[in-house]
Amino acid sequence: MAHSADDRKRLRNFFISHLDAEDVPGVQWMDRTTGLFRIVWRHAGRDGFDPERDGLIFKLWAQQTGRWKEGDPEDTTAWKTRMRNALRRLADFEEQTEMGKPDDPHEAFRVYRLVPAPKHPPKPPMMPETCMVPDELMSDLGDTKSMNCLAVDEVLDYFDGLDADMVSPAPPDDPSQSACAQLQPIAANGAPQPNVNQAADGATATASDQTRGSFPNLPDGDVKVSVKYRGRQVWEETCSNPSGVRIYHGSPIKEYVGRSVITDRDPERVFGPDEVTHVLLPPCEPHMHSQKQLDVTKELLKHAERGVVLQFSNGDIWATRLCQTKVFWLDPNKPDMAIPLKLERDTRTKVFDYIQGFLPLLQNYARNNGSKKPRPYFKMCFGQSWGAEDPFESNLIAVTVKHLTAGMQLDTVSQYRHQDSTSSQSFPLNNDPLSRSNPEDHIIQQLEQLMTSLTLQQGSSPPQNFQTS
């Protein structure tokens, strides 16, 4: 019974939060005072079905209950069936069959009533509707850690204009924050000092003179950047540039002018290296489901103008956050990384460990059928963290960066594992305890050779530093 009570509370709160936030298309209140709401119920097999629009509510619930994770195959029909069964089973929901049109070929929907109806009105914003935080006051708000993890519903319910903790403060002497300061000459102070940064695991990383380190033959710079706004895919771009990638939002023309005007100091301090591939986060207006969501996302993008720079070294990916908007990241291959971490500003951090993270997992995955499958990507979100109750997919600005070389290696190993599991052929040797080698064995040997060569380095060096402070 306790489990049933937990299910009731969980699904009830799930719907109320999304209905109040108006952040899922096709899911809306009809009368909040009586608990009436409707859910879009289009058939997946009919023309015009859009899984990002018509199936988003089912996907979010499957993700929250752990039935779907990033990288798993998507099955909207199964998700819809599970939700319908849950709505039938739980006493908190009563379907109003006379009001719904689940079989309508043009506008299919179901109507439910919450029992009892929500007692409390939607949470009011913390600040009055007319209270906006001026940009010039941001430097006085402080870069606190008291709200390190911002759930999406907290953002949508409480945020009006700009939440101070979603954006790092602008230091008074930050040259990027003042147009006048950018034009002031600075005196030459001799050769720049070596930059030593704190890595995510606590080790210090000193700038290397070689961008690609001791293993120049390892492929660097081939990544796929996927961007989602509140679960809806809005951009995907494949980049192949050993110099790096910068993910940002803003005006390329304004940046071009800025790089030309800033002649007395290094423009890389403001915009990062010019030779990297620049991935522009698209405008959010066409993809928003409510005015509140639009306002929040626009503010986050506004302060992401300087962006995040990704650089490569020996297959590893390092990130430097230049922008004011806070960025949270997660490498799913790190066993000691249970929750996303904040990407500290102007500090290079290894966000995808190819050598000591992905490759050992891939080697173990190739050997053992029951072993964990490695992930060829890392994730990051602008302005929000995420967790079991607030999935990555539901965040306002979610970015997945896939390491293409790692992805191809994983596909190769998975293909041979599948062939091995479906094949009944064996090659016995009467007087020998070993079978003849097969393609899988060759993969293991190649991985062992690669791992042996990589262990000589004891970890990779960070990429060549660019001046950030």
Protein backbone atom coordinates (compact mmCIF):
# COMPACT_ATOMS: atom_id res chain seq x y z
CA MET A 1 0.00 0.00 0.00
CA ALA A 2 2.89 2.32 0.75
CA HIS A 3 4.24 1.75 -2.71
CA SER A 4 0.80 2.60 -4.19
CA ALA A 5 0.65 5.79 -2.12
CA ASP A 6 4.09 6.78 -3.38
CA ASP A 7 2.99 6.16 -6.97
CA ARG A 8 -0.12 8.30 -6.47
CA LYS A 9 1.85 11.18 -5.01
CA ARG A 10 4.58 10.95 -7.61
CA LEU A 11 2.31 10.93 -10.68
CA ARG A 12 0.01 13.55 -9.15
CA ASN A 13 2.89 15.93 -8.46
CA PHE A 14 4.34 15.19 -11.91
CA PHE A 15 1.17 16.34 -13.65
CA ILE A 16 0.50 19.33 -11.41
CA SER A 17 4.02 20.68 -11.90
CA HIS A 18 3.84 20.42 -15.70
CA LEU A 19 0.26 21.72 -15.88
CA ASP A 20 1.13 24.76 -13.78
CA ALA A 21 4.32 25.40 -15.73
CA GLU A 22 2.56 25.04 -19.11
CA ASP A 23 5.78 23.59 -20.46
CA VAL A 24 4.52 20.45 -22.26
CA PRO A 25 2.51 20.93 -25.48
CA GLY A 26 -0.93 19.36 -25.43
CA VAL A 27 -1.08 19.09 -21.62
CA GLN A 28 -3.15 21.86 -20.06
CA TRP A 29 -5.65 22.75 -17.38
CA MET A 30 -9.30 22.99 -18.39
CA ASP A 31 -10.38 24.05 -14.90
CA ARG A 32 -7.78 23.98 -12.15
CA THR A 33 -10.31 24.61 -9.38
CA THR A 34 -12.09 21.33 -10.17
CA GLY A 35 -8.93 19.48 -11.20
CA LEU A 36 -9.91 19.05 -14.86
CA PHE A 37 -7.10 18.75 -17.41
CA ARG A 38 -6.54 17.33 -20.86
CA ILE A 39 -3.73 15.30 -22.44
CA VAL A 40 -2.98 15.13 -26.16
CA TRP A 41 -3.55 11.52 -27.28
CA ARG A 42 -2.63 11.31 -30.96
CA HIS A 43 -1.90 7.88 -32.38
CA ALA A 44 1.77 7.37 -33.16
CA GLY A 45 1.03 5.62 -36.45
CA ARG A 46 -1.00 8.45 -37.98
CA ASP A 47 0.29 11.17 -40.27
CA GLY A 48 1.35 14.34 -38.54
CA PHE A 49 2.40 12.68 -35.29
CA ASP A 50 5.34 14.57 -33.76
CA PRO A 51 7.04 12.64 -30.93
CA GLU A 52 8.63 15.81 -29.54
CA ARG A 53 5.20 17.44 -29.32
CA ASP A 54 2.60 14.68 -29.03
CA GLY A 55 4.72 12.22 -27.06
CA LEU A 56 6.76 14.49 -24.79
CA ILE A 57 4.64 13.99 -21.65
CA PHE A 58 4.94 10.19 -21.95
CA LYS A 59 8.68 10.41 -22.53
CA LEU A 60 9.21 12.65 -19.49
CA TRP A 61 7.29 10.24 -17.26
CA ALA A 62 9.21 7.23 -18.62
CA GLN A 63 12.45 9.06 -17.89
CA GLN A 64 11.40 10.09 -14.39
CA THR A 65 10.39 6.52 -13.50
CA GLY A 66 13.67 5.14 -14.88
CA ARG A 67 12.09 3.22 -17.76
CA TRP A 68 14.00 5.24 -20.32
CA LYS A 69 17.51 6.70 -20.25
CA GLU A 70 19.53 8.70 -22.74
CA GLY A 71 20.69 6.34 -25.49
CA ASP A 72 17.84 3.81 -25.05
CA PRO A 73 15.46 3.17 -27.97
CA GLU A 74 12.34 5.32 -27.87
CA ASP A 75 8.91 3.67 -27.76
CA THR A 76 6.14 6.24 -27.47
CA THR A 77 3.41 3.59 -27.77
CA ALA A 78 4.72 1.62 -24.79
CA TRP A 79 5.18 4.79 -22.73
CA LYS A 80 1.62 5.86 -23.49
CA THR A 81 0.24 2.45 -22.52
CA ARG A 82 2.08 2.50 -19.19
CA MET A 83 0.81 5.98 -18.38
CA ARG A 84 -2.77 5.08 -19.31
CA ASN A 85 -2.59 2.00 -17.06
CA ALA A 86 -1.24 4.13 -14.22
CA LEU A 87 -4.02 6.70 -14.68
CA ARG A 88 -6.61 3.90 -14.61
CA ARG A 89 -5.10 2.23 -11.55
CA LEU A 90 -4.59 5.24 -9.29
CA ALA A 91 -7.55 6.68 -7.41
CA ASP A 92 -6.25 10.24 -7.80
CA PHE A 93 -7.28 10.27 -11.47
CA GLU A 94 -10.75 9.90 -12.99
CA GLU A 95 -11.11 9.85 -16.76
CA GLN A 96 -13.98 11.98 -18.07
CA THR A 97 -14.80 9.82 -21.07
CA GLU A 98 -17.72 12.00 -22.20
CA MET A 99 -15.41 15.00 -22.56
CA GLY A 100 -12.48 13.38 -24.36
CA LYS A 101 -11.93 12.48 -28.02
CA PRO A 102 -9.16 9.86 -28.00
CA ASP A 103 -10.08 8.55 -31.47
CA ASP A 104 -10.44 11.88 -33.24
CA PRO A 105 -8.20 11.74 -36.35
CA HIS A 106 -7.36 15.44 -36.16
CA GLU A 107 -7.31 16.39 -32.47
CA ALA A 108 -7.21 13.33 -30.21
CA PHE A 109 -7.14 13.97 -26.45
CA ARG A 110 -8.27 12.55 -23.12
CA VAL A 111 -9.69 14.45 -20.17
CA TYR A 112 -8.98 13.55 -16.55
CA ARG A 113 -9.96 14.97 -13.18
CA LEU A 114 -7.65 15.06 -10.18
CA VAL A 115 -9.27 13.71 -7.01
CA PRO A 116 -9.15 15.77 -4.94
CA ALA A 117 -8.53 18.94 -6.94
CA PRO A 118 -5.33 20.87 -6.12
CA LYS A 119 -5.89 22.77 -2.88
CA HIS A 120 -3.21 25.37 -3.35
CA PRO A 121 -2.88 27.81 -6.24
CA PRO A 122 0.30 27.82 -8.36
CA LYS A 123 3.30 29.09 -6.44
CA PRO A 124 3.68 32.85 -6.82
CA PRO A 125 6.95 34.28 -8.07
CA MET A 126 9.47 35.28 -5.43
CA MET A 127 9.72 38.73 -6.98
CA PRO A 128 6.79 40.91 -8.07
CA GLU A 129 5.95 40.80 -11.76
CA THR A 130 7.23 44.35 -12.15
CA CYS A 131 10.51 43.64 -10.35
CA MET A 132 13.33 42.99 -12.81
CA VAL A 133 16.97 42.63 -11.87
CA PRO A 134 18.97 45.19 -13.85
CA ASP A 135 22.09 43.87 -15.50
CA GLU A 136 24.22 46.51 -13.79
CA LEU A 137 23.27 45.07 -10.41
CA MET A 138 24.37 41.54 -11.23
CA SER A 139 27.86 42.15 -9.87
CA ASP A 140 26.38 42.81 -6.42
CA LEU A 141 24.36 39.63 -6.19
CA GLY A 142 27.20 37.24 -5.44
CA ASP A 143 28.08 33.85 -6.88
CA THR A 144 26.52 31.86 -4.05
CA LYS A 145 26.32 28.08 -3.88
CA SER A 146 23.16 27.94 -1.78
CA MET A 147 21.07 27.06 -4.87
CA ASN A 148 23.64 25.03 -6.76
CA CYS A 149 20.99 22.73 -8.24
CA LEU A 150 18.03 24.50 -9.82
CA ALA A 151 15.07 22.31 -10.72
CA VAL A 152 13.22 23.35 -13.84
CA ASP A 153 9.93 23.83 -12.00
CA GLU A 154 11.64 26.06 -9.45
CA VAL A 155 12.96 28.13 -12.32
CA LEU A 156 9.63 28.41 -14.09
CA ASP A 157 7.64 29.06 -10.90
CA TYR A 158 9.94 31.49 -9.14
CA PHE A 159 12.01 33.11 -11.83
CA ASP A 160 10.86 36.43 -13.20
CA GLY A 161 13.40 38.19 -15.37
CA LEU A 162 16.65 36.74 -14.05
CA ASP A 163 17.48 34.49 -11.08
CA ALA A 164 20.72 35.67 -9.52
CA ASP A 165 22.09 32.18 -8.91
CA MET A 166 21.72 31.05 -12.51
CA VAL A 167 24.26 33.63 -13.63
CA SER A 168 27.68 34.19 -12.14
CA PRO A 169 28.43 37.74 -11.01
CA ALA A 170 30.43 39.97 -13.31
CA PRO A 171 33.59 41.13 -11.51
CA PRO A 172 34.00 44.92 -11.61
CA ASP A 173 37.32 44.61 -13.38
CA ASP A 174 36.12 42.05 -15.94
CA PRO A 175 37.09 43.61 -19.30
CA SER A 176 34.26 41.84 -21.08
CA GLN A 177 31.58 43.64 -19.06
CA SER A 178 32.38 47.19 -20.13
CA ALA A 179 32.60 48.47 -23.66
CA CYS A 180 34.76 51.33 -22.48
CA ALA A 181 37.10 49.03 -20.63
CA GLN A 182 37.60 46.93 -23.75
CA LEU A 183 39.06 49.88 -25.57
CA GLN A 184 41.55 50.84 -22.86
CA PRO A 185 45.18 49.90 -23.60
CA ILE A 186 47.00 47.67 -21.14
CA ALA A 187 50.69 47.83 -20.46
CA ALA A 188 52.88 44.95 -21.51
CA ASN A 189 53.93 42.98 -18.46
CA GLY A 190 56.41 40.63 -20.04
CA ALA A 191 55.84 37.03 -20.97
CA PRO A 192 52.60 35.47 -19.71
CA GLN A 193 52.91 33.20 -16.71
CA PRO A 194 52.09 29.48 -17.09
CA ASN A 195 48.45 28.84 -16.34
CA VAL A 196 47.79 26.20 -13.68
CA ASN A 197 44.18 25.17 -13.23
CA GLN A 198 42.40 22.82 -10.90
CA ALA A 199 40.98 19.79 -12.67
CA ALA A 200 37.68 18.23 -11.74
CA ASP A 201 39.31 15.37 -9.83
CA GLY A 202 41.47 17.72 -7.76
CA ALA A 203 44.68 17.34 -9.75
CA THR A 204 46.39 20.41 -11.13
CA ALA A 205 46.75 20.77 -14.89
CA THR A 206 49.57 22.84 -16.34
CA ALA A 207 49.42 24.18 -19.89
CA SER A 208 51.17 22.05 -22.45
CA ASP A 209 53.12 23.36 -25.43
CA GLN A 210 51.69 20.63 -27.63
CA THR A 211 47.97 20.82 -28.34
CA ARG A 212 47.72 17.11 -29.00
CA GLY A 213 50.26 15.92 -26.44
CA SER A 214 52.35 12.77 -26.75
CA PHE A 215 49.94 10.83 -28.94
CA PRO A 216 49.42 12.95 -32.07
CA ASN A 217 47.86 10.02 -33.92
CA LEU A 218 44.86 9.83 -31.61
CA PRO A 219 41.92 11.50 -33.36
CA ASP A 220 40.94 14.81 -31.80
CA GLY A 221 38.22 17.29 -32.65
CA ASP A 222 35.51 15.06 -34.16
CA VAL A 223 32.34 15.66 -32.14
CA LYS A 224 28.60 16.00 -32.66
CA VAL A 225 26.85 18.76 -30.71
CA SER A 226 23.12 18.26 -30.05
CA VAL A 227 21.02 21.01 -28.47
CA LYS A 228 17.56 20.61 -26.91
CA TYR A 229 15.28 23.26 -25.48
CA ARG A 230 12.99 21.65 -22.90
CA GLY A 231 13.23 18.23 -24.56
CA ARG A 232 12.78 19.48 -28.12
CA GLN A 233 15.75 19.07 -30.45
CA VAL A 234 16.58 22.47 -31.96
CA TRP A 235 20.08 22.02 -33.35
CA GLU A 236 22.60 19.34 -34.25
CA GLU A 237 26.00 19.96 -35.78
CA THR A 238 29.00 17.75 -36.51
CA CYS A 239 32.35 19.47 -35.96
CA SER A 240 35.80 18.34 -37.03
CA ASN A 241 38.37 20.83 -35.76
CA PRO A 242 41.43 19.88 -33.68
CA SER A 243 41.58 23.47 -32.42
CA GLY A 244 38.30 23.08 -30.55
CA VAL A 245 34.64 24.06 -30.44
CA ARG A 246 32.90 27.04 -28.83
CA ILE A 247 29.20 26.79 -27.92
CA TYR A 248 27.61 30.19 -27.40
CA HIS A 249 24.64 32.45 -28.14
CA GLY A 250 24.83 35.92 -29.61
CA SER A 251 25.50 37.93 -32.72
CA PRO A 252 28.42 36.77 -34.92
CA ILE A 253 28.56 40.27 -36.42
CA LYS A 254 28.85 41.87 -32.98
CA GLU A 255 31.62 39.43 -32.12
CA TYR A 256 33.45 40.15 -35.37
CA VAL A 257 33.37 43.86 -34.61
CA GLY A 258 34.51 43.16 -31.05
CA ARG A 259 37.49 41.11 -32.17
CA SER A 260 38.48 43.91 -34.54
CA VAL A 261 38.08 46.70 -31.98
CA ILE A 262 39.91 44.99 -29.14
CA THR A 263 43.43 45.69 -30.36
CA ASP A 264 45.27 46.39 -27.11
CA ARG A 265 44.49 43.08 -25.44
CA ASP A 266 43.94 39.51 -26.50
CA PRO A 267 40.36 39.03 -27.78
CA GLU A 268 40.59 35.42 -26.63
CA ARG A 269 40.08 36.68 -23.10
CA VAL A 270 36.60 37.74 -24.14
CA PHE A 271 35.50 35.34 -26.88
CA GLY A 272 37.93 32.44 -26.73
CA PRO A 273 40.12 31.27 -29.64
CA ASP A 274 39.01 32.45 -33.07
CA GLU A 275 40.24 29.33 -34.87
CA VAL A 276 37.78 26.99 -33.14
CA THR A 277 34.46 25.96 -34.68
CA HIS A 278 31.73 28.27 -33.39
CA VAL A 279 28.41 26.55 -32.66
CA LEU A 280 25.65 29.13 -32.25
CA LEU A 281 22.76 28.23 -29.93
CA PRO A 282 19.64 29.01 -31.98
CA PRO A 283 16.94 31.53 -31.01
CA CYS A 284 14.45 30.06 -28.57
CA GLU A 285 11.27 31.86 -29.62
CA PRO A 286 9.94 29.19 -32.05
CA HIS A 287 10.40 26.37 -29.54
CA MET A 288 8.84 27.66 -26.31
CA HIS A 289 5.53 26.45 -24.87
CA SER A 290 4.74 29.38 -22.56
CA GLN A 291 5.68 33.01 -22.02
CA LYS A 292 7.38 32.25 -18.72
CA GLN A 293 9.56 29.56 -20.30
CA LEU A 294 10.43 31.96 -23.11
CA ASP A 295 11.44 34.73 -20.68
CA VAL A 296 13.69 32.43 -18.64
CA THR A 297 15.38 30.84 -21.64
CA LYS A 298 16.04 34.21 -23.30
CA GLU A 299 17.77 35.50 -20.16
CA LEU A 300 19.95 32.41 -19.91
CA LEU A 301 20.93 32.69 -23.56
CA LYS A 302 21.59 36.41 -23.21
CA HIS A 303 24.25 35.76 -20.58
CA ALA A 304 25.72 32.81 -22.54
CA GLU A 305 27.17 35.21 -25.11
CA ARG A 306 30.80 34.40 -24.32
CA GLY A 307 30.03 30.70 -24.32
CA VAL A 308 31.89 27.52 -23.38
CA VAL A 309 35.10 26.52 -25.19
CA LEU A 310 35.85 22.81 -25.75
CA GLN A 311 39.42 21.73 -26.51
CA PHE A 312 40.94 18.33 -27.19
CA SER A 313 44.02 16.48 -26.02
CA ASN A 314 44.79 12.79 -26.69
CA GLY A 315 41.09 12.07 -27.18
CA ASP A 316 40.04 13.77 -23.95
CA ILE A 317 37.72 16.79 -24.03
CA TRP A 318 38.42 19.83 -21.82
CA ALA A 319 35.95 22.68 -21.25
CA THR A 320 36.42 26.31 -20.20
CA ARG A 321 33.38 28.36 -19.25
CA LEU A 322 33.65 32.01 -20.25
CA CYS A 323 29.98 32.99 -19.99
CA GLN A 324 28.11 34.34 -16.98
CA THR A 325 25.35 31.73 -17.21
CA LYS A 326 26.32 28.83 -14.99
CA VAL A 327 26.94 25.51 -16.71
CA PHE A 328 26.60 22.04 -15.17
CA TRP A 329 28.21 18.95 -16.70
CA LEU A 330 28.30 15.17 -16.31
CA ASP A 331 30.62 12.50 -17.71
CA PRO A 332 28.53 9.30 -17.41
CA ASN A 333 31.68 7.14 -17.54
CA LYS A 334 33.11 8.50 -14.28
CA PRO A 335 32.22 6.03 -11.49
CA ASP A 336 32.62 8.65 -8.76
CA MET A 337 30.42 11.25 -10.47
CA ALA A 338 26.90 10.64 -9.21
CA ILE A 339 25.56 14.15 -9.82
CA PRO A 340 26.41 16.93 -12.29
CA LEU A 341 29.11 19.40 -11.29
CA LYS A 342 29.26 23.11 -11.89
CA LEU A 343 31.80 24.11 -14.52
CA GLU A 344 33.90 26.72 -12.77
CA ARG A 345 34.45 29.91 -14.72
CA ASP A 346 37.78 30.46 -16.56
CA THR A 347 39.01 27.05 -15.40
CA ARG A 348 39.82 24.23 -17.80
CA THR A 349 38.13 21.01 -16.70
CA LYS A 350 38.26 17.56 -18.25
CA VAL A 351 34.63 16.80 -19.08
CA PHE A 352 35.14 13.62 -21.14
CA ASP A 353 37.89 11.22 -20.11
CA TYR A 354 38.62 9.15 -23.19
CA ILE A 355 41.87 7.54 -22.06
CA GLN A 356 41.20 6.58 -18.44
CA GLY A 357 37.39 6.62 -18.51
CA PHE A 358 35.87 5.50 -21.80
CA LEU A 359 38.54 3.10 -23.09
CA PRO A 360 38.81 0.92 -19.94
CA LEU A 361 35.02 0.59 -19.86
CA LEU A 362 35.00 -0.29 -23.56
CA GLN A 363 37.65 -2.94 -22.99
CA ASN A 364 35.64 -4.46 -20.15
CA TYR A 365 32.43 -4.23 -22.20
CA ALA A 366 34.09 -6.15 -25.04
CA ARG A 367 35.25 -8.87 -22.63
CA ASN A 368 32.23 -9.38 -20.39
CA ASN A 369 28.59 -9.66 -21.44
CA GLY A 370 27.28 -8.34 -18.14
CA SER A 371 29.55 -5.32 -17.93
CA LYS A 372 28.48 -1.67 -18.06
CA LYS A 373 28.13 -0.15 -21.50
CA PRO A 374 30.29 2.97 -21.85
CA ARG A 375 28.79 6.22 -23.11
CA PRO A 376 30.56 8.11 -25.94
CA TYR A 377 29.36 11.54 -24.81
CA PHE A 378 29.11 14.03 -21.98
CA LYS A 379 26.22 16.30 -21.06
CA MET A 380 25.93 19.89 -19.95
CA CYS A 381 23.10 22.30 -19.19
CA PHE A 382 23.07 26.09 -19.12
CA GLY A 383 21.66 27.53 -15.89
CA GLN A 384 20.36 24.28 -14.38
CA SER A 385 21.54 21.02 -12.92
CA TRP A 386 19.49 17.83 -13.11
CA GLY A 387 18.79 14.56 -11.32
CA ALA A 388 16.28 11.73 -10.93
CA GLU A 389 13.41 14.07 -10.10
CA ASP A 390 14.37 16.70 -12.67
CA PRO A 391 15.63 14.80 -15.75
CA PHE A 392 18.22 16.14 -18.16
CA GLU A 393 15.68 16.07 -21.00
CA SER A 394 13.34 18.50 -19.22
CA ASN A 395 15.91 21.26 -18.75
CA LEU A 396 15.62 24.52 -20.62
CA ILE A 397 18.97 24.39 -22.47
CA ALA A 398 20.48 20.90 -22.64
CA VAL A 399 23.56 20.08 -24.71
CA THR A 400 24.99 16.63 -25.50
CA VAL A 401 28.48 16.44 -27.00
CA LYS A 402 29.23 13.07 -28.60
CA HIS A 403 32.84 11.95 -29.12
CA LEU A 404 32.56 10.49 -32.64
CA THR A 405 35.64 8.30 -32.46
CA ALA A 406 34.43 6.80 -29.19
CA GLY A 407 31.01 6.34 -30.73
CA MET A 408 32.39 4.42 -33.72
CA GLN A 409 34.49 2.22 -31.44
CA LEU A 410 31.46 1.45 -29.29
CA ASP A 411 29.36 0.62 -32.36
CA THR A 412 32.04 -1.80 -33.57
CA VAL A 413 32.24 -3.62 -30.24
CA SER A 414 28.43 -3.72 -29.92
CA GLN A 415 28.12 -5.16 -33.43
CA TYR A 416 30.49 -8.03 -32.68
CA ARG A 417 28.83 -8.68 -29.32
CA HIS A 418 25.48 -8.95 -31.09
CA GLN A 419 26.89 -11.32 -33.71
CA ASP A 420 28.44 -13.45 -31.01
CA SER A 421 25.22 -13.65 -28.98
CA THR A 422 23.11 -14.68 -32.01
CA SER A 423 25.56 -17.17 -33.48
CA SER A 424 25.50 -20.82 -32.43
CA GLN A 425 28.72 -21.67 -34.27
CA SER A 426 31.75 -22.72 -32.21
CA PHE A 427 35.24 -23.88 -33.07
CA PRO A 428 36.27 -26.61 -30.59
CA LEU A 429 39.82 -27.93 -30.35
CA ASN A 430 39.88 -31.45 -28.97
CA ASN A 431 43.12 -31.22 -27.03
CA ASP A 432 43.28 -27.47 -26.42
CA PRO A 433 41.31 -25.50 -23.79
CA LEU A 434 41.21 -22.45 -26.06
CA SER A 435 39.00 -21.79 -29.07
CA ARG A 436 40.33 -20.25 -32.21
CA SER A 437 40.55 -16.49 -32.19
CA ASN A 438 37.66 -14.58 -33.74
CA PRO A 439 37.11 -10.92 -34.63
CA GLU A 440 36.12 -10.14 -31.05
CA ASP A 441 39.48 -11.46 -29.83
CA HIS A 442 41.28 -9.18 -32.27
CA ILE A 443 39.32 -6.21 -30.88
CA ILE A 444 40.43 -7.17 -27.36
CA GLN A 445 44.05 -7.43 -28.49
CA GLN A 446 43.93 -4.05 -30.19
CA LEU A 447 42.33 -2.46 -27.13
CA GLU A 448 44.99 -3.99 -24.87
CA GLN A 449 47.74 -2.62 -27.10
CA LEU A 450 46.15 0.81 -27.05
CA MET A 451 45.69 0.72 -23.28
CA THR A 452 49.30 -0.36 -22.77
CA SER A 453 50.57 2.57 -24.80
CA LEU A 454 48.29 5.02 -23.06
CA THR A 455 49.25 3.96 -19.54
CA LEU A 456 52.76 5.17 -20.24
CA GLN A 457 51.44 8.70 -20.06
CA GLN A 458 49.52 8.33 -16.78
CA GLY A 459 46.75 10.58 -18.00
CA SER A 460 46.58 13.23 -20.66
CA SER A 461 47.81 16.79 -20.58
CA PRO A 462 45.34 19.61 -20.96
CA PRO A 463 45.23 21.34 -24.32
CA GLN A 464 47.26 24.41 -25.06
CA ASN A 465 46.06 27.22 -22.87
CA PHE A 466 44.41 30.41 -24.07
CA GLN A 467 44.49 33.50 -21.89
CA THR A 468 41.30 33.94 -19.83
CA SER A 469 42.42 36.14 -16.98
